[in-house]
Each structure stands twice: as C-alpha cells, then as structure tokens.
C-alpha cells in the first residue's frame, strides 16, 4: 500500500513485540479546530489527510478523545474504519475539555474507565492498540505518584481492552513507578533540539527498548535558538521543521515522530523532511543551542 519509503524504518518496543510502529508517525491533534477545540475548518481535507497517511505506509497514528473533544477520533473512524491490519492507533487519557476548551485533569478511576470506553466506541474497536496516561502539564512533568491511575489502566489491559500502555509528560521516577505496575511500551514527552531536559531519559529508554515519542518539535524555542535553526535550515536548503524532525530521527533509534498537520501537502513535506541527512557540522551546531 505504501507509495514511498519512510525514513527511519520501523521500531518495535521490547515490552511490545507485536507492536511494529513506523518511526515517522502522524499526530492527529491538528485535525480538530483552532486550539484543538471544535470541528476542523475543512472536514473533507482532514479525511483526505488520514487516508494519505495510510497510503504513505505510516502505521502509527497518535490521537485522543479529548482532541476536539471527540472530533479527531470520529474523523479517524470515518476516514479509515475498518482499519488495516498494520495500522496502530495510540490514544491518551487523563484529561477532559470543558465547554470553553480548557484542559481539565481527569485521573479518577471512573473517569479513566469512561475515557477508555469512549475511545473504544468512537474509534470503533474492541481493543485499543496503545493508551498513554497523561499526568503532567502541557510541557513539563508534575511530580507525584501516578500509581493509582496507572493501576486502573493496567486493570483495563488485563481485561483485554488495551494492548499496550504508555505514559506522557512524566519524569524518570514516574516511569519507574509505572513499570513496577505493568510494562511501559512508550513514553511521550516534550522534547526537541532546544529543549533537552530528557537527554538522559532518552538514552535510558533506548537501552530498555522503550519508544520515546516527542511532541512540539518546534516548541519553546527562544528567538536566538530559532535564528540558529533557521540558519542551518537555509544552508541545507530545507525548512526549519524538516531540520527539527530529521534531528529527532537521528538523535536516537527509539525516537518516534508524530508531527501533525491538517494539510496533505504539509504531510508529504513532513515525511520527506524527516529523511533529511544532517551532516555532522550541522548536528554539532544544533546541539549547541540547547537551553
């Protein structure tokens, strides 16, 4: 089905030997309206983007029922159901959206069970390929125990409703706490060229064969850092996004990309850009801008 060779190949987490994820994936967040709230401006294009994702051979789609809310999962089902045998949908729970679009923590037992049930229903599946428990803020972990909510997800996994578990916006101690309860297949945190607080964590997870899924590839850059990135991109004849994605893909073999877009043209650009080969001098220059 694939019409191109995806950069980076496929990664299979050690705790999930049946989970074969293309390292270039797709994040569905931008299929919702502005600020990830409400319907998209062009639903037909959103459906076309998802179908192109599959046509490109991408097997990893990141989503959540709180995108919209409900919007992205409903569009995914409309566009792709029944799903291909190789496609893996990885969702998130732990938040809700209020009527004004605010993000509200939702980590109670009943709330998590309902969130999993809602994801199952809207995606139209009997079992979720993967579920991330989101416990931190928008871009930084919030210290504290995640044992109670993660135990709920582990129970749902034992009931056959979830295949694999992950955690999002967490620190090393929280990951270790989760691992003591059930295997962790993936970690989804804020990380990019300029924001490198997770460097040691990326290395540790790579040694364990656990996928690291960074979000906000261009988030949190200072003006000076953006200038350096732009200069490197211009020298290479590429876009800043292409350089940012390529740097992540080359950073560690366990890093999986989930860039999002609501445009087929941008989707193709992201996939091609991730395959950019960064020369050693460019990598060194980019490494030096970390805050």
Protein backbone atom coordinates (compact mmCIF):
# COMPACT_ATOMS: atom_id res chain seq x y z
CA UNK A 1 0.00 0.00 0.00
CA UNK A 2 2.89 2.39 0.76
CA UNK A 3 3.85 4.78 -2.02
CA UNK A 4 7.17 5.85 -0.51
CA UNK A 5 9.92 4.53 1.72
CA UNK A 6 9.52 6.12 5.12
CA UNK A 7 12.62 7.50 6.82
CA UNK A 8 13.83 5.66 9.89
CA UNK A 9 12.08 2.38 9.21
CA UNK A 10 10.11 0.63 11.94
CA UNK A 11 10.61 0.41 15.72
CA UNK A 12 9.27 -2.42 17.85
CA UNK A 13 9.32 -1.73 21.61
CA UNK A 14 10.85 -4.56 23.63
CA UNK A 15 7.84 -4.66 26.00
CA UNK A 16 5.51 -4.89 22.98
CA UNK A 17 6.98 -7.37 20.47
CA UNK A 18 3.79 -7.33 18.38
CA UNK A 19 3.75 -3.52 18.06
CA UNK A 20 5.54 -2.51 14.86
CA UNK A 21 5.46 1.28 14.53
CA UNK A 22 6.88 3.34 11.70
CA UNK A 23 9.30 5.81 13.24
CA UNK A 24 7.62 8.52 11.18
CA UNK A 25 4.08 8.57 12.52
CA UNK A 26 1.24 11.05 12.44
CA UNK A 27 -0.27 13.14 15.23
CA UNK A 28 -3.99 13.76 14.75
CA UNK A 29 -4.28 16.72 17.13
CA UNK A 30 -4.39 19.33 14.38
CA UNK A 31 -7.39 17.71 12.74
CA UNK A 32 -9.56 19.45 15.33
CA UNK A 33 -10.39 23.15 15.19
CA UNK A 34 -8.29 26.07 16.50
CA UNK A 35 -6.64 25.37 19.87
CA UNK A 36 -7.58 21.69 19.40
CA UNK A 37 -11.20 22.59 20.06
CA UNK A 38 -14.27 22.12 17.91
CA UNK A 39 -14.55 20.80 14.35
CA UNK A 40 -11.99 21.40 11.58
CA UNK A 41 -12.49 24.12 9.02
CA UNK A 42 -12.33 21.52 6.24
CA UNK A 43 -13.53 18.06 7.29
CA UNK A 44 -13.09 16.64 3.79
CA UNK A 45 -9.41 17.64 3.83
CA UNK A 46 -8.99 16.11 7.29
CA UNK A 47 -10.34 12.81 5.96
CA UNK A 48 -8.09 13.07 2.92
CA UNK A 49 -5.05 13.66 5.14
CA UNK A 50 -5.74 10.50 7.14
CA UNK A 51 -6.16 8.42 4.01
CA UNK A 52 -2.89 9.79 2.67
CA UNK A 53 -1.23 8.86 5.99
CA UNK A 54 -2.18 5.25 5.33
CA UNK A 55 -1.23 5.47 1.64
CA UNK A 56 2.25 6.64 2.66
CA UNK A 57 2.69 3.49 4.72
CA UNK A 58 2.54 5.14 8.15
CA UNK A 59 1.38 2.62 10.75
CA UNK A 60 1.40 4.86 13.87
CA UNK A 61 -1.37 7.40 14.44
CA UNK A 62 -1.41 9.31 17.74
CA UNK A 63 -4.80 10.60 18.87
CA UNK A 64 -7.06 11.22 21.86
CA UNK A 65 -10.75 11.57 22.59
CA UNK A 66 -10.00 14.92 24.25
CA UNK A 67 -8.87 16.39 20.93
CA UNK A 68 -11.91 18.36 19.89
CA UNK A 69 -13.18 16.83 22.14
CA UNK A 70 -14.14 13.66 20.27
CA UNK A 71 -13.53 15.27 16.88
CA UNK A 72 -10.31 13.55 15.83
CA UNK A 73 -11.42 10.07 16.81
CA UNK A 74 -14.70 10.50 14.95
CA UNK A 75 -12.84 11.66 11.84
CA UNK A 76 -10.33 8.79 12.10
CA UNK A 77 -13.18 6.29 12.20
CA UNK A 78 -14.97 7.93 9.28
CA UNK A 79 -11.80 8.04 7.19
CA UNK A 80 -10.16 4.71 7.97
CA UNK A 81 -12.54 2.19 9.52
CA UNK A 82 -12.30 -0.76 9.06
CA UNK A 83 -8.63 -0.35 9.85
CA UNK A 84 -5.81 -2.07 8.01
CA UNK A 85 -4.09 -4.94 9.77
CA UNK A 86 -0.85 -2.98 10.23
CA UNK A 87 -2.33 0.30 11.46
CA UNK A 88 -1.88 1.09 15.16
CA UNK A 89 -3.91 3.79 16.93
CA UNK A 90 -2.35 5.09 20.14
CA UNK A 91 -4.56 7.31 22.28
CA UNK A 92 -4.26 9.26 25.54
CA UNK A 93 -6.37 9.58 28.65
CA UNK A 94 -6.07 11.70 31.78
CA UNK A 95 -7.67 14.98 30.68
CA UNK A 96 -11.07 16.38 29.75
CA UNK A 97 -12.13 19.56 27.94
CA UNK A 98 -14.70 21.88 29.45
CA UNK A 99 -17.20 23.94 27.45
CA UNK A 100 -14.62 26.69 26.95
CA UNK A 101 -11.86 24.35 25.79
CA UNK A 102 -9.84 24.29 29.00
CA UNK A 103 -7.82 21.16 29.76
CA UNK A 104 -9.05 19.59 32.99
CA UNK A 105 -7.19 16.73 34.76
CA UNK A 106 -9.30 13.58 34.76
CA UNK A 107 -7.47 10.81 36.61
CA UNK A 108 -10.15 9.22 38.78
CA UNK A 109 -10.95 5.52 38.40
CA UNK A 110 -14.40 6.06 36.92
CA UNK A 111 -13.13 8.88 34.70
CA UNK A 112 -10.36 6.72 33.24
CA UNK A 113 -12.65 3.78 32.63
CA UNK A 114 -15.11 6.05 30.85
CA UNK A 115 -12.31 7.60 28.81
CA UNK A 116 -11.17 4.19 27.62
CA UNK A 117 -14.75 3.15 26.84
CA UNK A 118 -15.30 6.39 24.91
CA UNK A 119 -12.10 5.91 22.88
CA UNK A 120 -13.13 2.35 22.06
CA UNK A 121 -16.60 3.44 20.96
CA UNK A 122 -15.58 6.44 18.87
CA UNK A 123 -12.70 4.65 17.17
CA UNK A 124 -14.92 1.62 16.60
CA UNK A 125 -12.58 -1.02 18.05
CA UNK A 126 -12.79 -3.74 20.70
CA UNK A 127 -9.26 -3.12 21.96
CA UNK A 128 -7.03 -0.05 21.89
CA UNK A 129 -3.55 -0.67 20.46
CA UNK A 130 -1.99 1.70 22.96
CA UNK A 131 -3.05 4.10 25.70
CA UNK A 132 -0.86 6.81 27.21
CA UNK A 133 -1.65 8.05 30.69
CA UNK A 134 -1.08 11.81 30.67
CA UNK A 135 -0.29 13.10 34.14
CA UNK A 136 1.80 16.26 33.73
CA UNK A 137 1.24 19.76 32.43
CA UNK A 138 1.33 20.89 28.82
CA UNK A 139 5.10 20.69 28.51
CA UNK A 140 6.58 19.63 31.86
CA UNK A 141 6.04 16.74 34.29
CA UNK A 142 4.20 17.35 37.53
CA UNK A 143 5.97 15.48 40.36
CA UNK A 144 3.89 12.97 42.29
CA UNK A 145 2.67 9.41 42.23
CA UNK A 146 0.87 8.00 39.20
CA UNK A 147 0.32 4.59 40.79
CA UNK A 148 -3.44 4.87 41.24
CA UNK A 149 -4.37 5.97 37.70
CA UNK A 150 -1.80 3.72 36.04
CA UNK A 151 -3.12 0.75 38.03
CA UNK A 152 -6.56 1.44 36.56
CA UNK A 153 -5.13 1.24 33.04
CA UNK A 154 -3.23 -1.93 33.94
CA UNK A 155 -6.52 -3.47 35.08
CA UNK A 156 -8.16 -2.49 31.80
CA UNK A 157 -5.23 -4.04 29.97
CA UNK A 158 -5.77 -7.27 31.89
CA UNK A 159 -9.44 -7.13 30.88
CA UNK A 160 -8.36 -7.08 27.24
CA UNK A 161 -9.44 -3.51 26.45
CA UNK A 162 -5.88 -2.16 25.98
CA UNK A 163 -2.97 -3.89 24.25
CA UNK A 164 -0.07 -1.72 25.42
CA UNK A 165 0.48 1.05 27.94
CA UNK A 166 2.47 4.27 27.94
CA UNK A 167 2.90 7.41 29.99
CA UNK A 168 3.01 11.05 28.97
CA UNK A 169 4.63 14.18 30.39
CA UNK A 170 6.45 12.25 33.10
CA UNK A 171 9.86 12.06 34.76
CA UNK A 172 12.14 9.07 35.29
CA UNK A 173 10.80 8.33 38.77
CA UNK A 174 7.22 8.20 37.49
CA UNK A 175 8.23 5.89 34.65
CA UNK A 176 9.90 3.54 37.14
CA UNK A 177 6.78 3.62 39.30
CA UNK A 178 4.63 2.71 36.30
CA UNK A 179 7.00 -0.10 35.28
CA UNK A 180 6.59 -1.67 38.71
CA UNK A 181 2.86 -2.00 37.93
CA UNK A 182 2.85 -3.03 34.25
CA UNK A 183 5.18 -2.91 31.22
CA UNK A 184 5.62 0.52 29.65
CA UNK A 185 5.94 0.41 25.86
CA UNK A 186 6.22 4.13 25.13
CA UNK A 187 6.85 7.50 26.78
CA UNK A 188 5.51 10.72 25.26
CA UNK A 189 7.20 13.92 26.48
CA UNK A 190 8.07 17.44 25.36
CA UNK A 191 11.48 17.31 23.68
CA UNK A 192 13.24 18.92 20.74
CA UNK A 193 16.55 20.46 19.65
CA UNK A 194 16.23 23.39 22.04
CA UNK A 195 14.61 21.60 24.98
CA UNK A 196 16.88 18.74 26.01
CA UNK A 197 15.99 18.04 29.63
CA UNK A 198 15.14 14.46 28.69
CA UNK A 199 18.51 13.64 27.10
CA UNK A 200 19.43 11.12 29.79
CA UNK A 201 15.91 9.69 29.77
CA UNK A 202 16.03 9.15 26.00
CA UNK A 203 19.25 7.16 26.45
CA UNK A 204 17.86 5.12 29.33
CA UNK A 205 14.70 4.23 27.45
CA UNK A 206 16.70 3.30 24.35
CA UNK A 207 18.69 0.82 26.44
CA UNK A 208 15.40 -0.72 27.60
CA UNK A 209 13.90 -0.83 24.12
CA UNK A 210 11.12 1.60 25.05
CA UNK A 211 9.81 4.05 22.46
CA UNK A 212 10.27 7.75 23.15
CA UNK A 213 7.69 9.91 21.37
CA UNK A 214 8.50 13.65 21.49
CA UNK A 215 5.89 16.32 20.90
CA UNK A 216 6.21 20.01 19.96
CA UNK A 217 9.23 19.63 17.61
CA UNK A 218 9.37 23.43 17.22
CA UNK A 219 8.00 24.39 20.64
CA UNK A 220 9.70 26.55 23.24
CA UNK A 221 12.48 28.00 21.11
CA UNK A 222 13.99 31.33 22.10
CA UNK A 223 14.48 33.91 19.29
CA UNK A 224 18.23 33.16 19.23
CA UNK A 225 17.65 29.42 19.04
CA UNK A 226 15.14 29.95 16.23
CA UNK A 227 17.70 32.05 14.36
CA UNK A 228 20.29 29.27 14.58
CA UNK A 229 17.79 26.66 13.42
CA UNK A 230 16.72 28.91 10.56
CA UNK A 231 20.33 29.50 9.54
CA UNK A 232 21.11 25.78 9.46
CA UNK A 233 17.92 25.08 7.52
CA UNK A 234 18.71 27.77 4.95
CA UNK A 235 22.24 26.43 4.49
CA UNK A 236 20.84 22.94 3.87
CA UNK A 237 18.08 24.17 1.58
CA UNK A 238 15.44 22.81 3.92
CA UNK A 239 12.67 24.10 6.17
CA UNK A 240 13.16 24.51 9.94
CA UNK A 241 10.55 21.78 10.50
CA UNK A 242 12.43 19.38 8.26
CA UNK A 243 15.63 20.00 10.20
CA UNK A 244 13.87 19.64 13.53
CA UNK A 245 12.29 16.32 12.52
CA UNK A 246 15.48 14.98 10.96
CA UNK A 247 17.46 15.87 14.09
CA UNK A 248 15.00 13.95 16.25
CA UNK A 249 15.04 10.92 13.96
CA UNK A 250 18.86 10.87 14.01
CA UNK A 251 19.05 11.56 17.75
CA UNK A 252 18.22 8.00 18.90
CA UNK A 253 16.79 4.87 17.25
CA UNK A 254 13.93 4.66 19.77
CA UNK A 255 12.54 8.11 18.92
CA UNK A 256 9.23 8.04 17.05
CA UNK A 257 7.88 11.17 15.36
CA UNK A 258 4.24 12.27 15.44
CA UNK A 259 4.17 15.58 13.55
CA UNK A 260 0.65 16.80 12.95
CA UNK A 261 -0.94 18.70 10.10
CA UNK A 262 -4.34 19.23 8.54
CA UNK A 263 -2.86 19.54 5.03
CA UNK A 264 -1.86 16.76 2.65
CA UNK A 265 0.89 18.93 1.21
CA UNK A 266 2.38 19.55 4.66
CA UNK A 267 2.06 15.86 5.48
CA UNK A 268 4.17 14.95 2.46
CA UNK A 269 6.68 17.68 3.35
CA UNK A 270 6.98 16.39 6.90
CA UNK A 271 7.60 12.83 5.75
CA UNK A 272 10.19 13.90 3.19
CA UNK A 273 11.80 16.36 5.60
CA UNK A 274 12.28 13.71 8.28
CA UNK A 275 14.54 11.88 5.85
CA UNK A 276 16.95 14.80 5.53
CA UNK A 277 20.51 13.68 6.25
CA UNK A 278 22.06 16.19 8.63
CA UNK A 279 25.84 16.48 8.28
CA UNK A 280 27.98 16.28 11.40
CA UNK A 281 28.72 20.03 11.48
CA UNK A 282 25.01 20.85 11.35
CA UNK A 283 24.25 18.41 14.16
CA UNK A 284 27.01 19.94 16.30
CA UNK A 285 25.69 23.44 15.67
CA UNK A 286 22.16 22.39 16.54
CA UNK A 287 23.26 20.51 19.65
CA UNK A 288 24.93 23.67 20.93
CA UNK A 289 21.68 25.67 21.08
CA UNK A 290 20.09 23.51 23.79
CA UNK A 291 18.82 25.59 26.71
